[in-house]
């Protein structure tokens, strides 16, 4: 009888302990907000430039409902734009730009303030596609040199969530 009671208490403790852990993880996931936006945020709109030392000048033109990524002869225009925002309190807000009709991975950008020529400037930073790669910094004026941000900035990204 004692063995039965001990095993029953162990099973109940496992069930109660497991349910106590589950709400904590869902509460953390609830802190990360993932939303689809109706239009591109005004602060991100306009023409943005990035100079790559090896590959030349990149240009992004962001409008309310379109996204155009230009590099040399390559031109990637998305007219039916799907803008998503991934946000968690105390971390960077990431904005994903992709096509509504043919999703292809798109581009992920975030707003950042960087000191350029002794002044703080609003810039857009492109999330790198691989580990150990410094992210590209896009400025409103054509830069004369390459700007990047450190990997420490990327540590402020929201925790990944499953949709």
C-alpha atoms as a PDB file:
ATOM      1  CA  UNK A   1       0.000   0.000   0.000  1.00  0.00           C
ATOM      2  CA  UNK A   2       2.843   2.375   0.873  1.00  0.00           C
ATOM      3  CA  UNK A   3       4.453   1.801  -2.538  1.00  0.00           C
ATOM      4  CA  UNK A   4       1.140   2.595  -4.242  1.00  0.00           C
ATOM      5  CA  UNK A   5       0.738   5.861  -2.283  1.00  0.00           C
ATOM      6  CA  UNK A   6       4.342   6.892  -2.979  1.00  0.00           C
ATOM      7  CA  UNK A   7       3.966   6.208  -6.704  1.00  0.00           C
ATOM      8  CA  UNK A   8       0.639   8.102  -6.732  1.00  0.00           C
ATOM      9  CA  UNK A   9       2.264  11.115  -5.038  1.00  0.00           C
ATOM     10  CA  UNK A  10       5.162  11.003  -7.518  1.00  0.00           C
ATOM     11  CA  UNK A  11       2.755  10.899 -10.485  1.00  0.00           C
ATOM     12  CA  UNK A  12       0.663  13.770  -9.079  1.00  0.00           C
ATOM     13  CA  UNK A  13       3.812  15.812  -8.387  1.00  0.00           C
ATOM     14  CA  UNK A  14       4.964  15.255 -11.971  1.00  0.00           C
ATOM     15  CA  UNK A  15       1.573  16.337 -13.339  1.00  0.00           C
ATOM     16  CA  UNK A  16       1.348  19.421 -11.116  1.00  0.00           C
ATOM     17  CA  UNK A  17       5.012  20.295 -11.703  1.00  0.00           C
ATOM     18  CA  UNK A  18       4.610  19.903 -15.467  1.00  0.00           C
ATOM     19  CA  UNK A  19       1.563  22.156 -15.566  1.00  0.00           C
ATOM     20  CA  UNK A  20       3.370  24.718 -13.413  1.00  0.00           C
ATOM     21  CA  UNK A  21       6.215  24.880 -15.941  1.00  0.00           C
ATOM     22  CA  UNK A  22       3.962  25.091 -19.011  1.00  0.00           C
ATOM     23  CA  UNK A  23       2.265  28.441 -18.194  1.00  0.00           C
ATOM     24  CA  UNK A  24       5.677  30.073 -17.677  1.00  0.00           C
ATOM     25  CA  UNK A  25       6.839  29.156 -21.174  1.00  0.00           C
ATOM     26  CA  UNK A  26       3.590  30.266 -22.817  1.00  0.00           C
ATOM     27  CA  UNK A  27       3.760  33.527 -20.877  1.00  0.00           C
ATOM     28  CA  UNK A  28       7.233  34.145 -22.285  1.00  0.00           C
ATOM     29  CA  UNK A  29       6.049  33.394 -25.808  1.00  0.00           C
ATOM     30  CA  UNK A  30       3.132  35.775 -25.285  1.00  0.00           C
ATOM     31  CA  UNK A  31       5.577  38.607 -24.545  1.00  0.00           C
ATOM     32  CA  UNK A  32       6.882  38.397 -28.121  1.00  0.00           C
ATOM     33  CA  UNK A  33       4.409  40.068 -30.456  1.00  0.00           C
ATOM     34  CA  UNK A  34       4.245  39.134 -34.141  1.00  0.00           C
ATOM     35  CA  UNK A  35       1.877  41.225 -36.253  1.00  0.00           C
ATOM     36  CA  UNK A  36       1.125  41.881 -39.918  1.00  0.00           C
ATOM     37  CA  UNK A  37       1.083  45.603 -40.706  1.00  0.00           C
ATOM     38  CA  UNK A  38      -1.224  47.255 -43.241  1.00  0.00           C
ATOM     39  CA  UNK A  39       1.533  49.593 -44.473  1.00  0.00           C
ATOM     40  CA  UNK A  40       5.232  50.275 -44.044  1.00  0.00           C
ATOM     41  CA  UNK A  41       6.015  52.457 -40.991  1.00  0.00           C
ATOM     42  CA  UNK A  42       6.644  56.094 -42.025  1.00  0.00           C
ATOM     43  CA  UNK A  43      10.046  56.161 -40.327  1.00  0.00           C
ATOM     44  CA  UNK A  44      11.280  53.421 -42.682  1.00  0.00           C
ATOM     45  CA  UNK A  45      10.006  54.901 -45.943  1.00  0.00           C
ATOM     46  CA  UNK A  46      12.280  56.606 -48.454  1.00  0.00           C
ATOM     47  CA  UNK A  47      15.465  55.860 -50.366  1.00  0.00           C
ATOM     48  CA  UNK A  48      18.267  54.169 -48.433  1.00  0.00           C
ATOM     49  CA  UNK A  49      21.872  53.424 -49.494  1.00  0.00           C
ATOM     50  CA  UNK A  50      24.578  50.988 -48.416  1.00  0.00           C
ATOM     51  CA  UNK A  51      28.107  50.872 -49.803  1.00  0.00           C
ATOM     52  CA  UNK A  52      29.794  47.509 -49.830  1.00  0.00           C
ATOM     53  CA  UNK A  53      33.574  47.654 -50.250  1.00  0.00           C
ATOM     54  CA  UNK A  54      33.611  44.624 -52.573  1.00  0.00           C
ATOM     55  CA  UNK A  55      30.218  44.715 -54.322  1.00  0.00           C
ATOM     56  CA  UNK A  56      29.485  48.429 -54.701  1.00  0.00           C
ATOM     57  CA  UNK A  57      26.372  50.498 -53.909  1.00  0.00           C
ATOM     58  CA  UNK A  58      23.050  49.014 -52.807  1.00  0.00           C
ATOM     59  CA  UNK A  59      19.838  51.014 -52.918  1.00  0.00           C
ATOM     60  CA  UNK A  60      16.517  50.334 -51.217  1.00  0.00           C
ATOM     61  CA  UNK A  61      13.388  52.312 -52.048  1.00  0.00           C
ATOM     62  CA  UNK A  62      10.612  51.750 -49.509  1.00  0.00           C
ATOM     63  CA  UNK A  63       7.133  53.105 -50.147  1.00  0.00           C
ATOM     64  CA  UNK A  64       3.860  52.634 -48.319  1.00  0.00           C
ATOM     65  CA  UNK A  65       2.995  49.399 -50.161  1.00  0.00           C
ATOM     66  CA  UNK A  66       6.130  48.534 -52.157  1.00  0.00           C
ATOM     67  CA  UNK A  67       9.749  47.589 -51.588  1.00  0.00           C
ATOM     68  CA  UNK A  68      12.483  47.889 -54.238  1.00  0.00           C
ATOM     69  CA  UNK A  69      15.979  46.458 -53.654  1.00  0.00           C
ATOM     70  CA  UNK A  70      18.526  47.541 -56.292  1.00  0.00           C
ATOM     71  CA  UNK A  71      22.097  46.407 -56.798  1.00  0.00           C
ATOM     72  CA  UNK A  72      23.890  47.055 -60.115  1.00  0.00           C
ATOM     73  CA  UNK A  73      21.638  45.531 -62.805  1.00  0.00           C
ATOM     74  CA  UNK A  74      19.686  43.442 -60.315  1.00  0.00           C
ATOM     75  CA  UNK A  75      16.321  44.857 -59.357  1.00  0.00           C
ATOM     76  CA  UNK A  76      13.912  43.200 -56.930  1.00  0.00           C
ATOM     77  CA  UNK A  77      10.537  44.964 -56.809  1.00  0.00           C
ATOM     78  CA  UNK A  78       7.774  43.804 -54.473  1.00  0.00           C
ATOM     79  CA  UNK A  79       4.460  45.544 -55.137  1.00  0.00           C
ATOM     80  CA  UNK A  80       2.049  43.513 -53.012  1.00  0.00           C
ATOM     81  CA  UNK A  81       4.001  43.921 -49.815  1.00  0.00           C
ATOM     82  CA  UNK A  82       3.562  41.901 -46.637  1.00  0.00           C
ATOM     83  CA  UNK A  83       5.185  43.789 -43.746  1.00  0.00           C
ATOM     84  CA  UNK A  84       5.509  41.971 -40.442  1.00  0.00           C
ATOM     85  CA  UNK A  85       6.660  43.286 -37.090  1.00  0.00           C
ATOM     86  CA  UNK A  86       8.320  41.084 -34.493  1.00  0.00           C
ATOM     87  CA  UNK A  87       8.629  42.883 -31.147  1.00  0.00           C
ATOM     88  CA  UNK A  88       9.510  42.094 -27.568  1.00  0.00           C
ATOM     89  CA  UNK A  89       9.734  44.662 -24.749  1.00  0.00           C
ATOM     90  CA  UNK A  90      13.283  45.902 -24.233  1.00  0.00           C
ATOM     91  CA  UNK A  91      14.503  44.488 -27.546  1.00  0.00           C
ATOM     92  CA  UNK A  92      14.707  45.660 -31.167  1.00  0.00           C
ATOM     93  CA  UNK A  93      11.596  45.659 -33.337  1.00  0.00           C
ATOM     94  CA  UNK A  94      12.274  43.642 -36.492  1.00  0.00           C
ATOM     95  CA  UNK A  95      10.367  44.385 -39.706  1.00  0.00           C
ATOM     96  CA  UNK A  96      10.090  41.692 -42.370  1.00  0.00           C
ATOM     97  CA  UNK A  97       9.456  42.705 -45.992  1.00  0.00           C
ATOM     98  CA  UNK A  98       8.127  39.988 -48.282  1.00  0.00           C
ATOM     99  CA  UNK A  99       5.658  39.465 -51.120  1.00  0.00           C
ATOM    100  CA  UNK A 100       2.043  38.527 -50.332  1.00  0.00           C
ATOM    101  CA  UNK A 101       1.719  36.603 -53.596  1.00  0.00           C
ATOM    102  CA  UNK A 102       5.046  34.711 -53.704  1.00  0.00           C
ATOM    103  CA  UNK A 103       6.850  34.627 -50.330  1.00  0.00           C
ATOM    104  CA  UNK A 104      10.565  34.068 -50.858  1.00  0.00           C
ATOM    105  CA  UNK A 105      12.259  34.807 -47.551  1.00  0.00           C
ATOM    106  CA  UNK A 106      12.387  38.576 -48.120  1.00  0.00           C
ATOM    107  CA  UNK A 107      14.464  41.030 -46.130  1.00  0.00           C
ATOM    108  CA  UNK A 108      14.444  41.806 -42.412  1.00  0.00           C
ATOM    109  CA  UNK A 109      15.314  45.365 -41.328  1.00  0.00           C
ATOM    110  CA  UNK A 110      15.299  47.280 -38.066  1.00  0.00           C
ATOM    111  CA  UNK A 111      15.602  50.945 -37.059  1.00  0.00           C
ATOM    112  CA  UNK A 112      18.805  51.971 -35.324  1.00  0.00           C
ATOM    113  CA  UNK A 113      20.693  55.126 -34.340  1.00  0.00           C
ATOM    114  CA  UNK A 114      24.358  55.185 -35.370  1.00  0.00           C
ATOM    115  CA  UNK A 115      27.008  57.845 -34.996  1.00  0.00           C
ATOM    116  CA  UNK A 116      28.143  58.866 -38.505  1.00  0.00           C
ATOM    117  CA  UNK A 117      30.623  61.723 -39.042  1.00  0.00           C
ATOM    118  CA  UNK A 118      30.233  62.774 -35.405  1.00  0.00           C
ATOM    119  CA  UNK A 119      26.417  62.995 -35.516  1.00  0.00           C
ATOM    120  CA  UNK A 120      23.762  60.511 -34.475  1.00  0.00           C
ATOM    121  CA  UNK A 121      21.811  59.410 -37.542  1.00  0.00           C
ATOM    122  CA  UNK A 122      18.720  57.302 -38.058  1.00  0.00           C
ATOM    123  CA  UNK A 123      19.711  54.267 -40.152  1.00  0.00           C
ATOM    124  CA  UNK A 124      18.179  50.978 -41.244  1.00  0.00           C
ATOM    125  CA  UNK A 125      20.066  47.791 -40.513  1.00  0.00           C
ATOM    126  CA  UNK A 126      19.594  44.637 -42.570  1.00  0.00           C
ATOM    127  CA  UNK A 127      19.609  41.424 -40.582  1.00  0.00           C
ATOM    128  CA  UNK A 128      22.465  39.239 -41.892  1.00  0.00           C
ATOM    129  CA  UNK A 129      21.686  35.911 -43.562  1.00  0.00           C
ATOM    130  CA  UNK A 130      24.446  34.009 -41.770  1.00  0.00           C
ATOM    131  CA  UNK A 131      26.237  33.789 -38.434  1.00  0.00           C
ATOM    132  CA  UNK A 132      29.327  35.917 -37.913  1.00  0.00           C
ATOM    133  CA  UNK A 133      28.410  38.351 -40.693  1.00  0.00           C
ATOM    134  CA  UNK A 134      28.157  42.013 -39.727  1.00  0.00           C
ATOM    135  CA  UNK A 135      24.805  43.504 -40.701  1.00  0.00           C
ATOM    136  CA  UNK A 136      24.580  46.099 -43.497  1.00  0.00           C
ATOM    137  CA  UNK A 137      23.733  49.673 -42.501  1.00  0.00           C
ATOM    138  CA  UNK A 138      21.592  51.734 -44.895  1.00  0.00           C
ATOM    139  CA  UNK A 139      21.710  55.543 -44.693  1.00  0.00           C
ATOM    140  CA  UNK A 140      19.573  58.273 -46.267  1.00  0.00           C
ATOM    141  CA  UNK A 141      22.572  59.734 -48.142  1.00  0.00           C
ATOM    142  CA  UNK A 142      25.045  57.884 -50.355  1.00  0.00           C
ATOM    143  CA  UNK A 143      27.867  56.864 -48.016  1.00  0.00           C
ATOM    144  CA  UNK A 144      31.526  57.182 -48.959  1.00  0.00           C
ATOM    145  CA  UNK A 145      32.493  54.132 -46.922  1.00  0.00           C
ATOM    146  CA  UNK A 146      30.966  50.923 -45.565  1.00  0.00           C
ATOM    147  CA  UNK A 147      29.084  51.119 -42.259  1.00  0.00           C
ATOM    148  CA  UNK A 148      28.181  48.145 -40.105  1.00  0.00           C
ATOM    149  CA  UNK A 149      26.990  47.538 -36.557  1.00  0.00           C
ATOM    150  CA  UNK A 150      28.521  45.132 -34.080  1.00  0.00           C
ATOM    151  CA  UNK A 151      27.247  41.662 -33.303  1.00  0.00           C
ATOM    152  CA  UNK A 152      26.222  42.949 -29.842  1.00  0.00           C
ATOM    153  CA  UNK A 153      23.366  44.836 -31.484  1.00  0.00           C
ATOM    154  CA  UNK A 154      22.021  41.564 -32.885  1.00  0.00           C
ATOM    155  CA  UNK A 155      21.811  40.132 -29.371  1.00  0.00           C
ATOM    156  CA  UNK A 156      18.928  42.547 -28.737  1.00  0.00           C
ATOM    157  CA  UNK A 157      16.704  40.672 -31.188  1.00  0.00           C
ATOM    158  CA  UNK A 158      13.378  39.308 -29.976  1.00  0.00           C
ATOM    159  CA  UNK A 159      13.286  35.645 -28.978  1.00  0.00           C
ATOM    160  CA  UNK A 160      12.147  33.516 -31.864  1.00  0.00           C
ATOM    161  CA  UNK A 161       8.566  32.361 -31.703  1.00  0.00           C
ATOM    162  CA  UNK A 162       6.663  29.681 -33.534  1.00  0.00           C
ATOM    163  CA  UNK A 163       3.585  30.767 -35.415  1.00  0.00           C
END
